[in-house]
Amino acid sequence: MTDRALVAVLLARFVRARWGLRFRSRARFEAWQARRIRSFLRRIARAPYYRGGAPGAAAGPGAIVAPAPGARAPSLAALPVIDKSVLLEHFDGLNTRGVRLADALGVALEAERTRDFRPVLGGDLTVGLSSGTSGRRGVFLVSPRERMLWAGTILGRVLDGASLRQVLMPWRPPLGIAFFLRAGGNLYESVASSRIRFAFFDLTEPLEAHVERLVAAREEGRGPEVLVAPPSVLDALAVRALRGERSVAPRLVISVAEVLEPATAERVRRAWGSEPRQVYQATEGLLGISCEQGALHLNEESVHVEREWLGAAPGEGRTRFTPVVTDFDRRTQIIARYRLDDVLRVDTAAPERCACGRVTVVIAAVDGRADAVLHLPSTDGLRVVEVFPDAVRRAMAVESGGFADWRIRQTGLRLQVALADPDRDAGARVTAALAALFESYGCAAPVELVPWVPPLPAEKVRRIVREDAS
């Protein structure tokens, strides 16, 4: 596509994301989405993994039979559910450009080594690498058109009115956006233009150096007005501001990459008077964005989400699920019925139509990965009880005045708790709080206090982890 065509794609998606697709009812939206999915299914055989039905053709592992001319496309339910292991094993067959996994990994790992994220593959494909918190690292491919769709959606959905006016008024300075991320790249820099000044802050480098750079830019009148960072970074910067130390003063705060916990959101509000917006982004696509009313909506305008329901917590109905996603906007790397490792919790109190005008599903929280759900033996020893991350976080928050940070790791039946800068009685209070929580769930587990080890600068923060016993 030409540069002019790419700009047109970005502008069209911006307009749609900002003002379009306001349906009167959920039923009307689902009818619109079903048409998009049918169009997606007609294109899916471009990926060898799904190719089949042609005389003499070798069908891929997930092959669907090509419909006869004039016949309906196959249904989404006809496709197999896949996960990261399938995506990596059949990487070559799940993209439409014939890119090999070895080549994609080579480009991505070289970018990580050199910290130069500009190189592309196949002439125009951006290659991204996930953080690998769930085991093997994931790799994703994005075309220039898909980058523009992403950028248009992000700009349309997250910019507040003041930021949008600053972008549209040529006599005002460009809008400054600061990204704190483990890896930069063409995907994120898609938002840069003559009206948007983009700055990337590498999380592998010391935070103090970044703070000095931000403060200097602020004193020179160069913003940034928008701060985009993982919650752990937002928390560190907000604490500095609350202490009266030199810090950034953003107008708009956007949380990415990690779960935004209530305590961090509250510190952001106190530090900068700004309600943090959330972007729920994964290797598999842009999955959710919070609206101007503060509700976190699934990005169902581009992604179809099936729900695999999980067990309910005590006193609750069925609210948590593992999502199986189909991104019907993507044409390079096919994401169809892909099971994520995340656990999402629906907002049962949300109306069918949000005050922002959208009828897409509202998520109460991204509780974390599936391996953040603790599996503990019941008190009678007859079953395994699931203890969900939000309940654990609430229990830890009650005692949070006695320590600076915390982490819990389950290995087999062992539950290890690490506390940063604990006071004298913090360990005992935390142990008691967890015991009371487990009792309410009808389970029990011994708690072992272990020394705190600070995470690496570029490491994604995961406060609750369940891993298999070795």
Protein backbone atom coordinates (compact mmCIF):
# COMPACT_ATOMS: atom_id res chain seq x y z
CA MET A 1 0.00 0.00 0.00
CA THR A 2 1.16 3.56 -0.70
CA ASP A 3 1.78 6.02 2.12
CA ARG A 4 -1.34 7.95 1.11
CA ALA A 5 -3.44 4.78 1.24
CA LEU A 6 -2.03 3.91 4.68
CA VAL A 7 -2.90 7.37 6.00
CA ALA A 8 -6.42 6.91 4.64
CA VAL A 9 -6.69 3.57 6.49
CA LEU A 10 -5.54 5.22 9.72
CA LEU A 11 -7.98 8.13 9.39
CA ALA A 12 -10.90 5.88 8.54
CA ARG A 13 -10.23 3.65 11.53
CA PHE A 14 -9.76 6.70 13.77
CA VAL A 15 -13.18 8.03 12.78
CA ARG A 16 -14.80 4.63 13.27
CA ALA A 17 -13.16 4.09 16.66
CA ARG A 18 -13.99 7.61 17.88
CA TRP A 19 -17.53 8.10 16.67
CA GLY A 20 -18.72 5.02 14.78
CA LEU A 21 -20.31 1.65 15.53
CA ARG A 22 -22.83 2.87 18.10
CA PHE A 23 -25.58 0.26 17.97
CA ARG A 24 -28.99 0.53 19.60
CA SER A 25 -28.83 -2.99 20.95
CA ARG A 26 -26.45 -5.88 21.49
CA ALA A 27 -28.45 -7.96 19.00
CA ARG A 28 -27.80 -5.45 16.21
CA PHE A 29 -24.12 -5.38 17.03
CA GLU A 30 -23.87 -9.17 16.97
CA ALA A 31 -25.55 -9.26 13.54
CA TRP A 32 -22.93 -6.78 12.27
CA GLN A 33 -20.11 -8.79 13.83
CA ALA A 34 -21.44 -12.03 12.28
CA ARG A 35 -21.13 -10.45 8.82
CA ARG A 36 -17.51 -9.49 9.54
CA ILE A 37 -16.75 -13.02 10.69
CA ARG A 38 -18.27 -14.53 7.54
CA SER A 39 -16.04 -12.28 5.45
CA PHE A 40 -13.04 -13.35 7.56
CA LEU A 41 -13.86 -17.04 7.05
CA ARG A 42 -13.92 -16.58 3.28
CA ARG A 43 -10.31 -15.32 3.49
CA ILE A 44 -8.98 -17.82 6.00
CA ALA A 45 -7.90 -20.47 3.45
CA ARG A 46 -5.11 -18.09 2.39
CA ALA A 47 -3.25 -19.52 5.38
CA PRO A 48 -1.98 -23.06 4.57
CA TYR A 49 -3.00 -24.36 8.00
CA TYR A 50 -6.66 -23.91 7.05
CA ARG A 51 -6.34 -24.81 3.37
CA GLY A 52 -8.22 -27.88 2.21
CA GLY A 53 -10.96 -29.15 -0.01
CA ALA A 54 -9.26 -28.53 -3.36
CA PRO A 55 -8.72 -31.70 -5.45
CA GLY A 56 -5.25 -33.10 -4.78
CA ALA A 57 -4.47 -30.45 -2.16
CA ALA A 58 -2.80 -31.47 1.07
CA ALA A 59 -5.07 -30.29 3.86
CA GLY A 60 -3.46 -28.51 6.79
CA PRO A 61 -3.96 -29.67 10.41
CA GLY A 62 -6.92 -27.32 10.87
CA ALA A 63 -8.17 -27.54 7.32
CA ILE A 64 -11.73 -26.68 6.48
CA VAL A 65 -13.45 -27.83 3.33
CA ALA A 66 -13.68 -25.04 0.80
CA PRO A 67 -17.34 -24.24 0.06
CA ALA A 68 -18.75 -24.68 -3.42
CA PRO A 69 -19.22 -21.50 -5.50
CA GLY A 70 -22.16 -19.55 -4.11
CA ALA A 71 -22.32 -21.64 -0.93
CA ARG A 72 -21.97 -20.21 2.53
CA ALA A 73 -18.54 -19.99 4.17
CA PRO A 74 -17.90 -22.52 6.96
CA SER A 75 -18.92 -21.50 10.46
CA LEU A 76 -16.42 -20.33 13.05
CA ALA A 77 -17.30 -23.35 15.19
CA ALA A 78 -15.91 -25.60 12.45
CA LEU A 79 -12.38 -24.35 13.18
CA PRO A 80 -10.22 -26.02 15.85
CA VAL A 81 -9.33 -24.18 19.05
CA ILE A 82 -5.58 -23.49 19.10
CA ASP A 83 -3.10 -22.15 21.65
CA LYS A 84 0.46 -20.81 21.73
CA SER A 85 2.04 -24.23 21.24
CA VAL A 86 -0.01 -24.80 18.05
CA LEU A 87 0.70 -21.28 16.83
CA LEU A 88 4.45 -21.80 17.18
CA GLU A 89 4.44 -25.34 15.83
CA HIS A 90 2.49 -24.31 12.72
CA PHE A 91 3.74 -20.72 12.49
CA ASP A 92 4.57 -21.03 8.77
CA GLY A 93 1.05 -22.29 8.01
CA LEU A 94 -0.76 -19.74 10.15
CA ASN A 95 0.50 -16.69 8.28
CA THR A 96 -0.38 -15.71 4.73
CA ARG A 97 3.07 -14.46 3.73
CA GLY A 98 4.96 -17.75 4.06
CA VAL A 99 7.18 -16.42 6.86
CA ARG A 100 9.11 -19.12 8.73
CA LEU A 101 9.25 -19.08 12.51
CA ALA A 102 13.07 -19.25 12.47
CA ASP A 103 13.27 -16.13 10.31
CA ALA A 104 10.76 -14.22 12.44
CA LEU A 105 12.55 -15.19 15.64
CA GLY A 106 15.88 -14.19 14.12
CA VAL A 107 14.66 -10.66 13.38
CA ALA A 108 12.92 -10.29 16.74
CA LEU A 109 15.84 -11.57 18.83
CA GLU A 110 18.34 -9.42 16.94
CA ALA A 111 16.15 -6.39 17.65
CA GLU A 112 16.11 -7.34 21.34
CA ARG A 113 19.90 -7.69 21.35
CA THR A 114 20.66 -4.41 19.55
CA ARG A 115 17.60 -2.50 20.89
CA ASP A 116 16.99 -1.41 17.28
CA PHE A 117 13.37 -2.27 16.47
CA ARG A 118 13.22 -0.75 12.99
CA PRO A 119 14.12 -3.80 10.84
CA VAL A 120 11.21 -5.51 9.08
CA LEU A 121 10.72 -8.89 7.45
CA GLY A 122 9.58 -9.54 3.89
CA GLY A 123 9.97 -5.89 3.03
CA ASP A 124 7.25 -4.49 5.27
CA LEU A 125 6.28 -6.83 8.13
CA THR A 126 6.84 -5.75 11.70
CA VAL A 127 7.95 -8.62 13.92
CA GLY A 128 7.09 -8.53 17.61
CA LEU A 129 8.16 -10.72 20.49
CA SER A 130 6.02 -11.34 23.56
CA SER A 131 7.54 -11.20 27.01
CA GLY A 132 7.37 -14.96 27.45
CA THR A 133 5.78 -14.88 30.90
CA SER A 134 3.79 -18.03 30.16
CA GLY A 135 6.71 -20.15 28.95
CA ARG A 136 7.84 -20.02 25.31
CA ARG A 137 8.00 -16.59 23.83
CA GLY A 138 5.36 -15.76 21.25
CA VAL A 139 6.08 -14.08 17.92
CA PHE A 140 3.65 -11.96 15.93
CA LEU A 141 3.63 -10.45 12.45
CA VAL A 142 1.90 -7.19 11.56
CA SER A 143 1.56 -5.60 8.11
CA PRO A 144 1.59 -1.82 7.48
CA ARG A 145 -2.20 -1.87 7.00
CA GLU A 146 -2.68 -3.67 10.30
CA ARG A 147 -0.35 -1.17 12.01
CA MET A 148 -2.56 1.66 10.76
CA LEU A 149 -5.71 -0.08 11.98
CA TRP A 150 -4.08 -0.48 15.40
CA ALA A 151 -2.90 3.13 15.52
CA GLY A 152 -6.27 4.50 14.39
CA THR A 153 -8.07 2.47 17.04
CA ILE A 154 -5.69 3.52 19.81
CA LEU A 155 -5.82 7.22 18.90
CA GLY A 156 -9.56 7.18 18.44
CA ARG A 157 -10.32 5.40 21.67
CA VAL A 158 -7.81 6.64 24.25
CA LEU A 159 -7.14 10.32 23.48
CA ASP A 160 -9.13 12.67 25.66
CA GLY A 161 -10.76 15.80 24.24
CA ALA A 162 -7.90 18.09 25.22
CA SER A 163 -5.32 15.82 23.53
CA LEU A 164 -7.41 15.53 20.37
CA ARG A 165 -7.78 19.32 20.15
CA GLN A 166 -4.02 19.70 20.55
CA VAL A 167 -3.42 17.28 17.66
CA LEU A 168 -5.94 19.02 15.38
CA MET A 169 -4.78 22.60 16.02
CA PRO A 170 -1.62 23.20 13.92
CA TRP A 171 -0.69 26.38 15.80
CA ARG A 172 -0.29 24.41 19.05
CA PRO A 173 2.76 22.25 19.89
CA PRO A 174 2.63 18.58 18.89
CA LEU A 175 1.12 16.19 21.42
CA GLY A 176 3.86 14.49 23.44
CA ILE A 177 3.39 10.76 24.10
CA ALA A 178 5.89 8.90 26.29
CA PHE A 179 5.94 5.09 25.96
CA PHE A 180 7.60 3.03 28.70
CA LEU A 181 7.97 -0.43 27.17
CA ARG A 182 10.31 -3.40 27.15
CA ALA A 183 10.54 -3.22 23.38
CA GLY A 184 9.89 -0.41 20.96
CA GLY A 185 9.06 -0.99 17.35
CA ASN A 186 7.19 0.02 14.27
CA LEU A 187 3.84 -0.94 15.77
CA TYR A 188 4.05 1.63 18.55
CA GLU A 189 5.76 4.27 16.43
CA SER A 190 2.82 4.11 14.00
CA VAL A 191 1.20 6.82 16.10
CA ALA A 192 4.01 9.31 15.35
CA SER A 193 3.35 12.20 12.94
CA SER A 194 4.00 15.91 12.58
CA ARG A 195 1.27 16.50 15.17
CA ILE A 196 2.33 13.76 17.60
CA ARG A 197 5.77 13.66 19.21
CA PHE A 198 6.61 10.09 20.21
CA ALA A 199 9.26 9.19 22.80
CA PHE A 200 10.25 5.62 23.67
CA PHE A 201 11.69 4.82 27.11
CA ASP A 202 13.47 1.48 27.26
CA LEU A 203 12.57 -0.51 30.39
CA THR A 204 15.91 -2.29 30.26
CA GLU A 205 17.55 0.99 31.27
CA PRO A 206 17.48 2.58 34.77
CA LEU A 207 14.26 4.41 35.60
CA GLU A 208 16.13 7.33 37.17
CA ALA A 209 17.71 8.25 33.83
CA HIS A 210 14.27 8.29 32.23
CA VAL A 211 12.90 10.49 35.00
CA GLU A 212 15.67 13.03 34.40
CA ARG A 213 14.87 13.04 30.68
CA LEU A 214 11.15 13.51 31.36
CA VAL A 215 11.68 16.29 33.86
CA ALA A 216 14.02 18.11 31.47
CA ALA A 217 11.43 17.87 28.70
CA ARG A 218 8.74 19.17 31.04
CA GLU A 219 10.86 22.15 32.12
CA GLU A 220 11.47 22.99 28.45
CA GLY A 221 7.72 22.93 27.76
CA ARG A 222 7.82 19.71 25.72
CA GLY A 223 5.47 17.59 27.82
CA PRO A 224 4.79 14.75 27.62
CA GLU A 225 1.07 15.22 27.93
CA VAL A 226 0.35 11.48 27.58
CA LEU A 227 2.10 8.76 29.61
CA VAL A 228 1.84 5.13 28.46
CA ALA A 229 3.46 2.55 30.74
CA PRO A 230 3.01 -0.72 32.63
CA PRO A 231 1.34 -0.28 36.04
CA SER A 232 4.62 -1.02 37.85
CA VAL A 233 6.22 2.00 36.16
CA LEU A 234 3.14 4.17 36.68
CA ASP A 235 3.24 3.25 40.36
CA ALA A 236 6.92 4.16 40.73
CA LEU A 237 6.42 7.52 39.00
CA ALA A 238 3.24 8.27 40.97
CA VAL A 239 4.98 7.55 44.28
CA ARG A 240 7.72 10.03 43.32
CA ALA A 241 5.12 12.67 42.56
CA LEU A 242 3.26 12.06 45.83
CA ARG A 243 6.53 12.43 47.74
CA GLY A 244 7.10 15.80 46.09
CA GLU A 245 10.11 14.55 44.13
CA ARG A 246 10.91 15.60 40.56
CA SER A 247 8.60 13.65 38.31
CA VAL A 248 6.47 13.77 35.18
CA ALA A 249 3.10 15.59 35.15
CA PRO A 250 0.96 13.90 32.48
CA ARG A 251 -2.55 15.00 31.54
CA LEU A 252 -3.57 11.52 30.36
CA VAL A 253 -2.30 8.21 31.81
CA ILE A 254 -2.64 4.91 29.95
CA SER A 255 -1.87 1.54 31.54
CA VAL A 256 -0.54 -1.27 29.32
CA ALA A 257 1.11 -4.73 29.48
CA GLU A 258 0.25 -5.69 33.08
CA VAL A 259 -2.84 -5.94 35.27
CA LEU A 260 -3.76 -2.52 36.68
CA GLU A 261 -4.48 -3.11 40.35
CA PRO A 262 -6.82 -0.81 42.32
CA ALA A 263 -4.03 0.45 44.61
CA THR A 264 -1.96 1.60 41.63
CA ALA A 265 -4.97 3.25 39.98
CA GLU A 266 -5.67 5.14 43.19
CA ARG A 267 -2.06 6.39 43.44
CA VAL A 268 -2.24 7.59 39.84
CA ARG A 269 -5.42 9.52 40.62
CA ARG A 270 -3.87 11.10 43.71
CA ALA A 271 -0.59 11.96 41.98
CA TRP A 272 -1.91 13.49 38.76
CA GLY A 273 -5.67 13.88 39.13
CA SER A 274 -6.15 11.61 36.14
CA GLU A 275 -8.26 8.46 35.87
CA PRO A 276 -5.92 5.91 34.24
CA ARG A 277 -7.16 4.42 30.98
CA GLN A 278 -6.41 0.77 30.23
CA VAL A 279 -5.28 -0.91 27.02
CA TYR A 280 -5.56 -4.70 27.15
CA GLN A 281 -3.04 -5.76 24.53
CA ALA A 282 -1.61 -9.24 23.96
CA THR A 283 0.51 -10.96 21.34
CA GLU A 284 -2.78 -12.08 19.84
CA GLY A 285 -4.13 -8.57 19.30
CA LEU A 286 -5.73 -5.48 20.79
CA LEU A 287 -8.29 -7.08 23.09
CA GLY A 288 -9.73 -4.31 25.22
CA ILE A 289 -9.76 -0.55 25.80
CA SER A 290 -11.38 1.48 28.56
CA CYS A 291 -13.87 4.14 27.48
CA GLU A 292 -14.26 7.72 28.67
CA GLN A 293 -16.72 6.48 31.33
CA GLY A 294 -14.02 4.25 32.85
CA ALA A 295 -15.47 0.92 31.65
CA LEU A 296 -13.04 -1.62 30.15
CA HIS A 297 -14.69 -2.81 26.93
CA LEU A 298 -13.63 -5.84 24.94
CA ASN A 299 -12.52 -4.70 21.48
CA GLU A 300 -15.31 -6.68 19.85
CA GLU A 301 -15.36 -4.33 16.87
CA SER A 302 -12.27 -6.25 15.74
CA VAL A 303 -12.14 -9.38 17.90
CA HIS A 304 -14.76 -12.07 18.49
CA VAL A 305 -14.52 -13.54 21.99
CA GLU A 306 -15.84 -16.95 23.01
CA ARG A 307 -16.00 -17.71 26.73
CA GLU A 308 -14.76 -20.85 28.46
CA TRP A 309 -16.29 -20.39 31.89
CA LEU A 310 -14.33 -21.12 35.05
CA GLY A 311 -15.61 -22.20 38.45
CA ALA A 312 -17.30 -19.58 40.61
CA ALA A 313 -15.86 -18.09 43.79
CA PRO A 314 -17.83 -18.55 47.03
CA GLY A 315 -21.08 -16.57 46.92
CA GLU A 316 -20.70 -15.63 43.23
CA GLY A 317 -22.35 -16.67 40.02
CA ARG A 318 -20.44 -17.61 36.89
CA THR A 319 -18.38 -14.49 36.11
CA ARG A 320 -14.83 -15.61 35.18
CA PHE A 321 -13.77 -17.08 31.89
CA THR A 322 -10.81 -17.89 29.68
CA PRO A 323 -11.23 -16.10 26.33
CA VAL A 324 -10.97 -17.82 22.95
CA VAL A 325 -10.36 -15.01 20.46
CA THR A 326 -10.73 -14.55 16.71
CA ASP A 327 -9.23 -11.35 15.30
CA PHE A 328 -11.15 -10.74 12.07
CA ASP A 329 -9.16 -7.60 11.22
CA ARG A 330 -5.84 -9.41 10.78
CA ARG A 331 -4.85 -10.80 7.39
CA THR A 332 -1.14 -11.56 7.82
CA GLN A 333 -0.99 -13.81 10.87
CA ILE A 334 -4.31 -15.57 11.30
CA ILE A 335 -5.69 -15.56 14.84
CA ALA A 336 -8.78 -17.79 14.83
CA ARG A 337 -10.22 -19.45 17.92
CA TYR A 338 -7.02 -18.85 19.88
CA ARG A 339 -7.25 -19.73 23.58
CA LEU A 340 -5.51 -17.17 25.79
CA ASP A 341 -3.92 -17.90 29.17
CA ASP A 342 -5.76 -14.97 30.74
CA VAL A 343 -8.66 -14.97 33.17
CA LEU A 344 -11.28 -12.27 32.58
CA ARG A 345 -14.11 -11.27 34.89
CA VAL A 346 -17.30 -9.82 33.41
CA ASP A 347 -19.00 -6.82 34.97
CA THR A 348 -22.43 -8.23 35.80
CA ALA A 349 -23.68 -4.76 36.82
CA ALA A 350 -22.86 -3.16 33.46
CA PRO A 351 -25.88 -2.17 31.34
CA GLU A 352 -26.27 -3.62 27.85
CA ARG A 353 -25.47 -0.18 26.42
CA CYS A 354 -22.73 1.74 28.21
CA ALA A 355 -23.06 5.49 28.81
CA CYS A 356 -20.32 5.91 26.18
CA GLY A 357 -22.73 4.47 23.58
CA ARG A 358 -21.07 1.07 23.10
CA VAL A 359 -22.79 -2.28 23.53
CA THR A 360 -19.57 -4.31 23.63
CA VAL A 361 -18.93 -6.48 26.69
CA VAL A 362 -17.59 -4.69 29.78
CA ILE A 363 -14.90 -6.46 31.78
CA ALA A 364 -14.73 -5.84 35.53
CA ALA A 365 -11.06 -6.84 35.52
CA VAL A 366 -8.34 -8.81 33.81
CA ASP A 367 -7.62 -11.03 36.79
CA GLY A 368 -4.37 -12.23 35.28
CA ARG A 369 -3.19 -15.35 33.59
CA ALA A 370 -4.79 -18.73 34.17
CA ASP A 371 -1.65 -19.73 36.06
CA ALA A 372 -2.32 -16.91 38.53
CA VAL A 373 -5.29 -18.88 39.89
CA LEU A 374 -4.11 -20.79 42.97
CA HIS A 375 -5.06 -24.49 43.11
CA LEU A 376 -5.26 -25.56 46.75
CA PRO A 377 -6.53 -28.72 48.44
CA SER A 378 -9.95 -28.52 50.08
CA THR A 379 -10.08 -28.88 53.85
CA ASP A 380 -11.54 -32.38 53.47
CA GLY A 381 -8.79 -33.30 51.00
CA LEU A 382 -11.26 -34.55 48.39
CA ARG A 383 -10.94 -31.89 45.69
CA VAL A 384 -8.92 -28.97 44.37
CA VAL A 385 -10.20 -25.46 45.09
CA GLU A 386 -9.51 -22.51 42.77
CA VAL A 387 -8.63 -19.27 44.57
CA PHE A 388 -8.85 -16.34 42.17
CA PRO A 389 -6.26 -13.55 41.93
CA ASP A 390 -8.62 -10.68 42.76
CA ALA A 391 -9.45 -12.31 46.12
CA VAL A 392 -5.74 -12.78 46.88
CA ARG A 393 -5.02 -9.15 45.95
CA ARG A 394 -7.78 -7.93 48.26
CA ALA A 395 -6.37 -9.98 51.14
CA MET A 396 -2.88 -8.59 50.51
CA ALA A 397 -4.20 -5.03 50.17
CA VAL A 398 -5.65 -5.17 53.69
CA GLU A 399 -2.12 -5.54 55.08
CA SER A 400 -0.32 -3.43 52.47
CA GLY A 401 0.62 -0.77 55.00
CA GLY A 402 3.24 -3.13 56.41
CA PHE A 403 5.31 -3.69 53.23
CA ALA A 404 6.24 -2.01 49.95
CA ASP A 405 5.44 -4.85 47.52
CA TRP A 406 4.63 -8.54 47.45
CA ARG A 407 4.75 -11.69 45.36
CA ILE A 408 3.20 -15.15 45.76
CA ARG A 409 4.39 -18.30 44.02
CA GLN A 410 2.72 -21.71 44.22
CA THR A 411 4.77 -24.78 43.36
CA GLY A 412 2.84 -27.99 43.94
CA LEU A 413 1.33 -27.54 47.40
CA ARG A 414 4.01 -25.05 48.49
CA LEU A 415 2.93 -21.42 48.77
CA GLN A 416 5.81 -18.95 49.00
CA VAL A 417 5.22 -15.30 49.89
CA ALA A 418 7.89 -12.62 49.41
CA LEU A 419 7.48 -9.15 50.95
CA ALA A 420 9.52 -6.06 50.08
CA ASP A 421 10.63 -3.89 53.02
CA PRO A 422 8.28 -5.55 55.54
CA ASP A 423 7.82 -4.19 59.03
CA ARG A 424 8.36 -6.47 62.04
CA ASP A 425 4.90 -8.08 62.11
CA ALA A 426 4.03 -7.95 58.40
CA GLY A 427 4.78 -11.61 57.75
CA ALA A 428 2.52 -12.81 60.56
CA ARG A 429 -0.34 -10.51 59.51
CA VAL A 430 -0.10 -11.59 55.86
CA THR A 431 -0.03 -15.27 56.85
CA ALA A 432 -3.16 -14.75 58.96
CA ALA A 433 -4.95 -12.81 56.18
CA LEU A 434 -4.25 -15.56 53.65
CA ALA A 435 -5.34 -18.28 56.09
CA ALA A 436 -8.66 -16.45 56.61
CA LEU A 437 -9.11 -16.13 52.83
CA PHE A 438 -8.41 -19.82 52.25
CA GLU A 439 -10.82 -20.77 55.03
CA SER A 440 -13.59 -18.79 53.30
CA TYR A 441 -12.89 -20.79 50.13
CA GLY A 442 -12.95 -24.08 52.04
CA CYS A 443 -9.29 -24.86 51.50
CA ALA A 444 -5.97 -24.61 53.31
CA ALA A 445 -2.28 -24.26 52.48
CA PRO A 446 0.86 -23.61 54.53
CA VAL A 447 2.48 -20.25 53.81
CA GLU A 448 6.28 -19.97 53.65
CA LEU A 449 7.85 -16.51 53.87
CA VAL A 450 10.86 -16.17 51.55
CA PRO A 451 13.32 -13.32 50.90
CA TRP A 452 12.33 -10.58 48.47
CA VAL A 453 14.19 -10.50 45.14
CA PRO A 454 13.59 -7.31 43.11
CA PRO A 455 12.38 -8.01 39.54
CA LEU A 456 14.60 -7.16 36.59
CA PRO A 457 13.86 -3.76 34.98
CA ALA A 458 12.32 -5.22 31.80
CA GLU A 459 10.55 -8.10 33.51
CA LYS A 460 6.77 -8.07 33.40
CA VAL A 461 5.48 -7.95 36.96
CA ARG A 462 3.46 -11.01 37.95
CA ARG A 463 2.57 -10.94 41.63
CA ILE A 464 0.79 -14.30 41.64
CA VAL A 465 2.22 -17.31 39.81
CA ARG A 466 1.25 -20.97 39.92
CA GLU A 467 3.74 -23.38 38.40
CA ASP A 468 3.94 -27.13 38.13
CA ALA A 469 6.03 -28.93 40.73
CA SER A 470 9.34 -30.10 39.30
